[in-house]
C-alpha atoms as a PDB file:
ATOM      1  CA  UNK A   1      78.668 104.594 128.114  1.00  0.00           C
ATOM      2  CA  UNK A   2      75.623 106.019 127.256  1.00  0.00           C
ATOM      3  CA  UNK A   3      72.666 103.831 126.405  1.00  0.00           C
ATOM      4  CA  UNK A   4      69.516 104.928 124.646  1.00  0.00           C
ATOM      5  CA  UNK A   5      66.432 104.104 126.603  1.00  0.00           C
ATOM      6  CA  UNK A   6      63.451 102.377 124.619  1.00  0.00           C
ATOM      7  CA  UNK A   7      60.349 101.591 126.513  1.00  0.00           C
ATOM      8  CA  UNK A   8      62.543 101.706 129.548  1.00  0.00           C
ATOM      9  CA  UNK A   9      64.804  99.251 128.322  1.00  0.00           C
ATOM     10  CA  UNK A  10      68.520  99.863 128.338  1.00  0.00           C
ATOM     11  CA  UNK A  11      70.330  97.349 126.464  1.00  0.00           C
ATOM     12  CA  UNK A  12      73.880  97.627 124.881  1.00  0.00           C
ATOM     13  CA  UNK A  13      72.068  96.853 121.357  1.00  0.00           C
ATOM     14  CA  UNK A  14      70.489 100.364 121.299  1.00  0.00           C
ATOM     15  CA  UNK A  15      74.012 102.263 121.200  1.00  0.00           C
ATOM     16  CA  UNK A  16      74.034 105.510 119.056  1.00  0.00           C
ATOM     17  CA  UNK A  17      77.451 106.883 118.143  1.00  0.00           C
ATOM     18  CA  UNK A  18      78.576 110.286 119.431  1.00  0.00           C
ATOM     19  CA  UNK A  19      80.875 112.285 117.404  1.00  0.00           C
ATOM     20  CA  UNK A  20      84.366 110.848 118.068  1.00  0.00           C
ATOM     21  CA  UNK A  21      83.082 107.929 119.649  1.00  0.00           C
ATOM     22  CA  UNK A  22      83.875 104.346 118.438  1.00  0.00           C
ATOM     23  CA  UNK A  23      80.340 102.889 118.980  1.00  0.00           C
ATOM     24  CA  UNK A  24      78.304 101.993 116.276  1.00  0.00           C
ATOM     25  CA  UNK A  25      75.102 103.819 115.418  1.00  0.00           C
ATOM     26  CA  UNK A  26      72.087 101.630 114.850  1.00  0.00           C
ATOM     27  CA  UNK A  27      69.379 102.263 112.388  1.00  0.00           C
ATOM     28  CA  UNK A  28      66.157 102.796 113.847  1.00  0.00           C
ATOM     29  CA  UNK A  29      64.664 100.588 111.679  1.00  0.00           C
ATOM     30  CA  UNK A  30      65.945  97.621 109.676  1.00  0.00           C
ATOM     31  CA  UNK A  31      64.424  96.580 106.349  1.00  0.00           C
ATOM     32  CA  UNK A  32      61.559  99.222 107.094  1.00  0.00           C
ATOM     33  CA  UNK A  33      59.887  97.233 109.745  1.00  0.00           C
ATOM     34  CA  UNK A  34      62.182  95.695 112.281  1.00  0.00           C
ATOM     35  CA  UNK A  35      62.740  98.457 115.085  1.00  0.00           C
ATOM     36  CA  UNK A  36      65.623  98.130 117.497  1.00  0.00           C
ATOM     37  CA  UNK A  37      63.641  96.470 120.206  1.00  0.00           C
ATOM     38  CA  UNK A  38      62.171  93.850 117.688  1.00  0.00           C
ATOM     39  CA  UNK A  39      63.049  90.602 119.366  1.00  0.00           C
ATOM     40  CA  UNK A  40      63.738  89.056 115.822  1.00  0.00           C
ATOM     41  CA  UNK A  41      66.219  92.098 115.182  1.00  0.00           C
ATOM     42  CA  UNK A  42      67.475  91.725 118.894  1.00  0.00           C
ATOM     43  CA  UNK A  43      68.299  88.227 118.273  1.00  0.00           C
ATOM     44  CA  UNK A  44      69.896  88.763 114.987  1.00  0.00           C
ATOM     45  CA  UNK A  45      72.246  91.328 116.524  1.00  0.00           C
ATOM     46  CA  UNK A  46      73.381  89.142 119.539  1.00  0.00           C
ATOM     47  CA  UNK A  47      74.210  86.268 117.072  1.00  0.00           C
ATOM     48  CA  UNK A  48      76.243  88.323 114.509  1.00  0.00           C
ATOM     49  CA  UNK A  49      77.876  90.195 117.156  1.00  0.00           C
ATOM     50  CA  UNK A  50      78.645  87.212 119.165  1.00  0.00           C
ATOM     51  CA  UNK A  51      82.370  86.514 119.186  1.00  0.00           C
ATOM     52  CA  UNK A  52      82.367  82.918 118.520  1.00  0.00           C
ATOM     53  CA  UNK A  53      79.885  83.523 115.730  1.00  0.00           C
ATOM     54  CA  UNK A  54      82.578  85.675 114.090  1.00  0.00           C
ATOM     55  CA  UNK A  55      84.925  82.936 114.966  1.00  0.00           C
ATOM     56  CA  UNK A  56      83.013  80.157 113.225  1.00  0.00           C
ATOM     57  CA  UNK A  57      82.573  82.225 110.099  1.00  0.00           C
ATOM     58  CA  UNK A  58      86.297  82.829 109.788  1.00  0.00           C
ATOM     59  CA  UNK A  59      86.830  78.969 110.050  1.00  0.00           C
ATOM     60  CA  UNK A  60      84.179  78.506 107.700  1.00  0.00           C
ATOM     61  CA  UNK A  61      86.160  80.607 105.195  1.00  0.00           C
ATOM     62  CA  UNK A  62      89.206  79.098 105.953  1.00  0.00           C
ATOM     63  CA  UNK A  63      87.757  75.731 105.217  1.00  0.00           C
ATOM     64  CA  UNK A  64      85.843  76.620 102.203  1.00  0.00           C
ATOM     65  CA  UNK A  65      89.256  78.161 100.954  1.00  0.00           C
ATOM     66  CA  UNK A  66      91.272  74.809 101.971  1.00  0.00           C
ATOM     67  CA  UNK A  67      88.358  72.900  99.677  1.00  0.00           C
ATOM     68  CA  UNK A  68      88.696  74.935  97.093  1.00  0.00           C
ATOM     69  CA  UNK A  69      92.485  74.499  96.897  1.00  0.00           C
ATOM     70  CA  UNK A  70      92.016  70.721  97.183  1.00  0.00           C
ATOM     71  CA  UNK A  71      89.705  70.289  94.511  1.00  0.00           C
ATOM     72  CA  UNK A  72      91.355  69.168  91.143  1.00  0.00           C
ATOM     73  CA  UNK A  73      90.011  70.477  87.794  1.00  0.00           C
ATOM     74  CA  UNK A  74      89.302  67.832  85.224  1.00  0.00           C
ATOM     75  CA  UNK A  75      88.615  68.764  81.526  1.00  0.00           C
ATOM     76  CA  UNK A  76      85.286  68.016  80.057  1.00  0.00           C
ATOM     77  CA  UNK A  77      83.172  67.640  83.381  1.00  0.00           C
ATOM     78  CA  UNK A  78      85.104  64.930  84.142  1.00  0.00           C
ATOM     79  CA  UNK A  79      85.621  64.313  88.125  1.00  0.00           C
ATOM     80  CA  UNK A  80      86.919  62.110  90.629  1.00  0.00           C
ATOM     81  CA  UNK A  81      85.333  60.935  94.070  1.00  0.00           C
ATOM     82  CA  UNK A  82      87.170  63.608  96.061  1.00  0.00           C
ATOM     83  CA  UNK A  83      85.809  66.576  93.819  1.00  0.00           C
ATOM     84  CA  UNK A  84      82.350  64.985  94.144  1.00  0.00           C
ATOM     85  CA  UNK A  85      82.379  65.161  98.009  1.00  0.00           C
ATOM     86  CA  UNK A  86      83.984  68.723  97.915  1.00  0.00           C
ATOM     87  CA  UNK A  87      81.135  69.731  95.732  1.00  0.00           C
ATOM     88  CA  UNK A  88      78.661  68.679  97.982  1.00  0.00           C
ATOM     89  CA  UNK A  89      80.606  70.447 100.879  1.00  0.00           C
ATOM     90  CA  UNK A  90      80.662  73.503  98.904  1.00  0.00           C
ATOM     91  CA  UNK A  91      76.569  73.538  99.550  1.00  0.00           C
ATOM     92  CA  UNK A  92      77.038  73.480 103.301  1.00  0.00           C
ATOM     93  CA  UNK A  93      79.550  76.440 103.001  1.00  0.00           C
ATOM     94  CA  UNK A  94      76.823  78.163 100.794  1.00  0.00           C
ATOM     95  CA  UNK A  95      74.072  77.654 103.498  1.00  0.00           C
ATOM     96  CA  UNK A  96      76.443  78.709 106.473  1.00  0.00           C
ATOM     97  CA  UNK A  97      77.481  81.986 104.291  1.00  0.00           C
ATOM     98  CA  UNK A  98      73.847  82.506 103.351  1.00  0.00           C
ATOM     99  CA  UNK A  99      72.329  82.574 106.962  1.00  0.00           C
ATOM    100  CA  UNK A 100      75.135  84.696 107.850  1.00  0.00           C
ATOM    101  CA  UNK A 101      73.895  87.503 105.027  1.00  0.00           C
ATOM    102  CA  UNK A 102      70.443  86.717 106.043  1.00  0.00           C
ATOM    103  CA  UNK A 103      71.234  87.568 110.038  1.00  0.00           C
ATOM    104  CA  UNK A 104      73.173  90.525 109.249  1.00  0.00           C
ATOM    105  CA  UNK A 105      70.441  92.158 106.951  1.00  0.00           C
ATOM    106  CA  UNK A 106      68.018  91.494 109.922  1.00  0.00           C
ATOM    107  CA  UNK A 107      70.659  93.058 112.345  1.00  0.00           C
ATOM    108  CA  UNK A 108      72.022  96.001 110.208  1.00  0.00           C
ATOM    109  CA  UNK A 109      69.485  96.554 107.603  1.00  0.00           C
ATOM    110  CA  UNK A 110      70.100  96.383 103.633  1.00  0.00           C
ATOM    111  CA  UNK A 111      71.210  99.689 102.505  1.00  0.00           C
ATOM    112  CA  UNK A 112      69.353 102.875 103.628  1.00  0.00           C
ATOM    113  CA  UNK A 113      71.652 103.557 106.958  1.00  0.00           C
ATOM    114  CA  UNK A 114      75.384 104.599 107.060  1.00  0.00           C
ATOM    115  CA  UNK A 115      75.817 101.461 109.109  1.00  0.00           C
ATOM    116  CA  UNK A 116      73.672  99.058 107.140  1.00  0.00           C
ATOM    117  CA  UNK A 117      75.087  95.887 105.856  1.00  0.00           C
ATOM    118  CA  UNK A 118      75.968  96.810 102.174  1.00  0.00           C
ATOM    119  CA  UNK A 119      77.697  99.918 103.222  1.00  0.00           C
ATOM    120  CA  UNK A 120      80.576  97.915 104.643  1.00  0.00           C
ATOM    121  CA  UNK A 121      82.863  97.088 101.769  1.00  0.00           C
ATOM    122  CA  UNK A 122      83.677  93.589 103.405  1.00  0.00           C
ATOM    123  CA  UNK A 123      79.795  92.645 103.448  1.00  0.00           C
ATOM    124  CA  UNK A 124      79.044  93.955 100.222  1.00  0.00           C
ATOM    125  CA  UNK A 125      81.684  91.637  98.905  1.00  0.00           C
ATOM    126  CA  UNK A 126      80.065  88.526 100.973  1.00  0.00           C
ATOM    127  CA  UNK A 127      76.344  89.513  99.704  1.00  0.00           C
ATOM    128  CA  UNK A 128      77.865  89.467  96.030  1.00  0.00           C
ATOM    129  CA  UNK A 129      79.338  86.023  96.528  1.00  0.00           C
ATOM    130  CA  UNK A 130      76.166  84.841  98.287  1.00  0.00           C
ATOM    131  CA  UNK A 131      74.058  85.999  95.368  1.00  0.00           C
ATOM    132  CA  UNK A 132      76.646  84.716  92.714  1.00  0.00           C
ATOM    133  CA  UNK A 133      77.211  81.480  94.745  1.00  0.00           C
ATOM    134  CA  UNK A 134      74.116  79.762  93.721  1.00  0.00           C
ATOM    135  CA  UNK A 135      74.460  80.177  89.934  1.00  0.00           C
ATOM    136  CA  UNK A 136      78.102  78.725  89.944  1.00  0.00           C
ATOM    137  CA  UNK A 137      76.265  75.508  91.608  1.00  0.00           C
ATOM    138  CA  UNK A 138      73.879  75.360  88.924  1.00  0.00           C
ATOM    139  CA  UNK A 139      74.501  72.885  85.808  1.00  0.00           C
ATOM    140  CA  UNK A 140      75.436  74.596  82.980  1.00  0.00           C
ATOM    141  CA  UNK A 141      72.999  73.279  80.328  1.00  0.00           C
ATOM    142  CA  UNK A 142      70.862  76.286  79.348  1.00  0.00           C
ATOM    143  CA  UNK A 143      71.510  79.894  78.735  1.00  0.00           C
ATOM    144  CA  UNK A 144      68.966  82.293  78.289  1.00  0.00           C
ATOM    145  CA  UNK A 145      66.318  79.797  77.826  1.00  0.00           C
ATOM    146  CA  UNK A 146      68.242  77.664  75.022  1.00  0.00           C
ATOM    147  CA  UNK A 147      70.538  75.063  75.424  1.00  0.00           C
ATOM    148  CA  UNK A 148      74.203  75.497  75.588  1.00  0.00           C
ATOM    149  CA  UNK A 149      76.379  74.039  73.085  1.00  0.00           C
ATOM    150  CA  UNK A 150      79.469  72.263  73.968  1.00  0.00           C
ATOM    151  CA  UNK A 151      82.799  74.453  73.547  1.00  0.00           C
ATOM    152  CA  UNK A 152      84.454  73.781  70.334  1.00  0.00           C
ATOM    153  CA  UNK A 153      87.093  70.755  70.731  1.00  0.00           C
ATOM    154  CA  UNK A 154      89.353  68.272  68.894  1.00  0.00           C
ATOM    155  CA  UNK A 155      87.430  66.222  66.724  1.00  0.00           C
ATOM    156  CA  UNK A 156      86.796  62.606  67.839  1.00  0.00           C
END
């Protein structure tokens, strides 16, 4: 295994891919400012490539799926205590997945390098979900600056 020497530091986070090799090529800069030897980027890389972090994220995804499966939708914004509790838990999942996205963007860069965060299909899906997620948690009282009329229903 060959390591790129940066400032006399040999570290596995500075690996560059040779053709036919399965090591990942790292962008020299992430977000135009974080070089490979930047301590923030090195910390982000060590976290997102740490196997227990990966397992934690997979367990969070599984738990989120279970929470979504347990919730019972009611008509006209009615709810029960279980659904109310699950709505609160949804904020915890949103925070977990937002932190994961932020760390991966710091580690890999956003879009410019071939191995950047958005260039991976699963990461792109995660990114869209994290961006759309907060919109789904907002009250549906306004649309484009005007109050939303309730959907037409049976006359009472």
